[in-house]
Amino acid sequence: MFEVEVKAWVDRPEVLERRLEGMAESQQEFDKWDIYFTREEGGRQLFRFRRDGEVNTVTYKKRSRQGALEVNREHEFRVDDQLEFLQFCRHLGYREQIRKHKKGVRYHYRDIGVELAYVEGLGHFVEVEALVDREEELTAAREKVEQVIEDLGIPRERWEGRYYTEMLAQKKAEGKDIWE
């Protein structure tokens, strides 16, 4: 599966929330706790463990960026026992690189996922995401994502090209407490 995504900073989430409620076909609250794993200190991220409600998911992404637009090849699977899986990872020599907590509301609009989220330690964001199965569908997915973010009135200068983990790692390196 391929993921095409743009995220942008949001200064007034309540305004965007009202706009989304008027546009979207459905909505669902989420509360995602992520742990990113690597092999060595300062190494690149290898995979993510996510707890969202009662569901545990492991994701590996082959990442690429085109400006602020992310195009990722994703591989995911579910895990029944969170504690056993985390112990298994540590036993194999994987180490925790960074944690992320993101909560908010996910909307569906024109076959596109739109998340209005608060990322602990960073602030408010909107993420616009399309999922496609084939590489041939990527151009159309990019166009849809860009159209939806335009429909939401988000200017390009608010788009964020860095990954959340990069921003959190930078804050951590600067000695700032990312857990408010």
Protein backbone atom coordinates (compact mmCIF):
# COMPACT_ATOMS: atom_id res chain seq x y z
CA MET A 1 0.00 0.00 0.00
CA PHE A 2 1.12 3.56 -0.70
CA GLU A 3 0.34 6.55 1.51
CA VAL A 4 0.30 10.09 0.08
CA GLU A 5 0.16 12.71 2.82
CA VAL A 6 0.53 16.40 3.53
CA LYS A 7 0.57 17.79 7.05
CA ALA A 8 0.26 21.43 7.98
CA TRP A 9 0.41 23.57 11.09
CA VAL A 10 -2.96 24.78 12.40
CA ASP A 11 -3.17 28.00 14.39
CA ARG A 12 -6.91 27.93 15.07
CA PRO A 13 -8.07 24.31 15.30
CA GLU A 14 -11.60 25.25 16.35
CA VAL A 15 -12.14 27.11 13.05
CA LEU A 16 -10.86 24.19 10.98
CA GLU A 17 -12.91 21.76 13.08
CA ARG A 18 -16.13 23.63 12.21
CA ARG A 19 -15.18 23.67 8.53
CA LEU A 20 -14.45 19.93 8.56
CA GLU A 21 -17.69 19.10 10.36
CA GLY A 22 -19.57 20.88 7.57
CA MET A 23 -17.67 19.14 4.77
CA ALA A 24 -16.88 15.61 5.96
CA GLU A 25 -18.96 12.48 5.48
CA SER A 26 -17.93 10.94 8.82
CA GLN A 27 -15.67 11.45 11.78
CA GLN A 28 -14.02 9.40 14.53
CA GLU A 29 -11.91 10.38 17.53
CA PHE A 30 -8.46 8.83 17.95
CA ASP A 31 -5.76 8.67 20.60
CA LYS A 32 -2.51 7.25 19.19
CA TRP A 33 0.56 6.37 21.26
CA ASP A 34 3.61 5.58 19.12
CA ILE A 35 7.03 4.14 19.88
CA TYR A 36 9.64 4.29 17.11
CA PHE A 37 12.38 1.68 17.14
CA THR A 38 15.93 1.63 15.81
CA ARG A 39 18.95 -0.65 16.18
CA GLU A 40 21.58 1.79 17.42
CA GLU A 41 21.71 5.16 19.15
CA GLY A 42 21.05 7.87 16.58
CA GLY A 43 20.23 5.31 13.89
CA ARG A 44 17.41 5.60 11.43
CA GLN A 45 13.91 4.52 12.39
CA LEU A 46 13.18 0.97 11.45
CA PHE A 47 9.54 0.57 12.49
CA ARG A 48 6.75 2.01 14.60
CA PHE A 49 4.60 0.36 17.24
CA ARG A 50 1.24 2.12 17.65
CA ARG A 51 -1.50 1.73 20.24
CA ASP A 52 -4.77 3.31 19.09
CA GLY A 53 -7.55 2.47 21.51
CA GLU A 54 -7.44 -1.30 21.87
CA VAL A 55 -5.64 -1.90 18.56
CA ASN A 56 -1.86 -2.45 18.36
CA THR A 57 -0.24 -2.01 14.95
CA VAL A 58 3.34 -2.31 13.73
CA THR A 59 4.24 -0.26 10.66
CA TYR A 60 7.31 -0.17 8.49
CA LYS A 61 7.48 2.65 5.93
CA LYS A 62 9.80 3.10 3.00
CA ARG A 63 9.69 6.88 3.11
CA SER A 64 10.13 9.52 0.45
CA ARG A 65 9.40 13.22 0.39
CA GLN A 66 8.59 15.58 -2.43
CA GLY A 67 8.76 18.93 -0.68
CA ALA A 68 6.13 18.83 2.06
CA LEU A 69 4.35 15.92 0.35
CA GLU A 70 5.15 12.46 1.72
CA VAL A 71 4.82 9.38 -0.46
CA ASN A 72 5.41 6.25 1.61
CA ARG A 73 5.26 2.54 0.87
CA GLU A 74 3.62 1.06 3.99
CA HIS A 75 3.63 -2.43 5.46
CA GLU A 76 1.46 -3.03 8.55
CA PHE A 77 0.33 -5.83 10.78
CA ARG A 78 -1.54 -6.10 14.06
CA VAL A 79 -0.17 -7.38 17.35
CA ASP A 80 -2.36 -8.98 20.00
CA ASP A 81 -0.10 -8.68 23.03
CA GLN A 82 1.53 -5.26 23.41
CA LEU A 83 3.86 -6.10 26.30
CA GLU A 84 5.09 -9.36 24.80
CA PHE A 85 5.79 -7.69 21.46
CA LEU A 86 7.73 -4.82 23.07
CA GLN A 87 9.79 -7.28 25.15
CA PHE A 88 10.43 -9.31 21.99
CA CYS A 89 11.72 -6.18 20.19
CA ARG A 90 14.06 -5.31 23.03
CA HIS A 91 15.27 -8.92 23.25
CA LEU A 92 16.22 -8.75 19.55
CA GLY A 93 18.28 -5.64 20.20
CA TYR A 94 15.89 -2.95 19.01
CA ARG A 95 15.84 0.18 21.11
CA GLU A 96 13.28 2.88 21.56
CA GLN A 97 14.23 5.98 19.58
CA ILE A 98 11.36 8.34 20.31
CA ARG A 99 7.76 8.38 21.48
CA LYS A 100 4.87 10.35 20.04
CA HIS A 101 1.36 10.99 21.36
CA LYS A 102 -1.22 12.28 18.91
CA LYS A 103 -4.93 12.71 19.50
CA GLY A 104 -7.76 14.31 17.64
CA VAL A 105 -10.51 13.58 15.13
CA ARG A 106 -10.28 11.74 11.81
CA TYR A 107 -12.68 12.83 9.08
CA HIS A 108 -13.48 11.30 5.69
CA TYR A 109 -13.94 13.68 2.79
CA ARG A 110 -13.99 12.67 -0.91
CA ASP A 111 -12.29 9.31 -0.25
CA ILE A 112 -9.51 11.12 1.62
CA GLY A 113 -8.64 10.88 5.31
CA VAL A 114 -8.27 14.18 7.14
CA GLU A 115 -6.96 14.25 10.71
CA LEU A 116 -7.19 17.30 12.90
CA ALA A 117 -4.63 16.43 15.54
CA TYR A 118 -2.77 17.68 18.56
CA VAL A 119 0.76 16.26 18.76
CA GLU A 120 2.08 16.47 22.28
CA GLY A 121 5.13 18.70 22.46
CA LEU A 122 4.55 20.22 19.01
CA GLY A 123 1.03 21.61 18.65
CA HIS A 124 -1.95 21.38 16.29
CA PHE A 125 -1.80 19.94 12.78
CA VAL A 126 -4.03 18.83 9.97
CA GLU A 127 -3.02 15.74 7.97
CA VAL A 128 -4.57 14.98 4.60
CA GLU A 129 -3.93 11.41 3.43
CA ALA A 130 -4.80 9.14 0.51
CA LEU A 131 -4.09 5.42 0.46
CA VAL A 132 -3.64 3.61 -2.86
CA ASP A 133 -2.64 0.09 -3.79
CA ARG A 134 -0.70 0.68 -6.99
CA GLU A 135 2.11 3.01 -7.99
CA GLU A 136 0.12 4.08 -11.07
CA GLU A 137 -2.45 5.67 -8.75
CA LEU A 138 0.05 7.99 -7.03
CA THR A 139 -0.35 10.99 -9.35
CA ALA A 140 -4.14 11.03 -8.93
CA ALA A 141 -3.74 10.58 -5.16
CA ARG A 142 -1.34 13.55 -4.96
CA GLU A 143 -3.80 15.71 -6.87
CA LYS A 144 -6.67 14.70 -4.57
CA VAL A 145 -4.64 15.40 -1.42
CA GLU A 146 -3.57 18.81 -2.70
CA GLN A 147 -7.16 19.65 -3.71
CA VAL A 148 -8.54 18.73 -0.28
CA ILE A 149 -5.93 20.76 1.57
CA GLU A 150 -6.76 23.66 -0.75
CA ASP A 151 -10.51 23.16 -0.07
CA LEU A 152 -9.69 23.45 3.64
CA GLY A 153 -8.05 26.82 3.04
CA ILE A 154 -4.60 25.77 4.25
CA PRO A 155 -1.90 27.88 2.54
CA ARG A 156 1.26 26.13 1.30
CA GLU A 157 3.46 28.11 3.68
CA ARG A 158 1.78 26.25 6.58
CA TRP A 159 2.66 22.83 5.09
CA GLU A 160 5.30 21.01 7.13
CA GLY A 161 7.85 18.88 5.29
CA ARG A 162 9.54 17.38 8.34
CA TYR A 163 8.37 14.19 9.98
CA TYR A 164 6.93 14.53 13.49
CA THR A 165 9.74 12.35 14.77
CA GLU A 166 12.32 14.76 13.35
CA MET A 167 10.67 17.70 15.08
CA LEU A 168 10.37 15.80 18.38
CA ALA A 169 13.99 14.63 18.19
CA GLN A 170 15.13 18.20 17.55
CA LYS A 171 13.24 19.44 20.62
CA LYS A 172 14.67 16.61 22.68
CA ALA A 173 18.22 17.43 21.46
CA GLU A 174 17.68 21.07 22.44
CA GLY A 175 16.80 19.90 25.95
CA LYS A 176 13.15 20.91 25.67
CA ASP A 177 10.56 18.81 27.43
CA ILE A 178 8.35 17.35 24.70
CA TRP A 179 5.85 15.93 27.20
CA GLU A 180 3.78 18.89 28.37
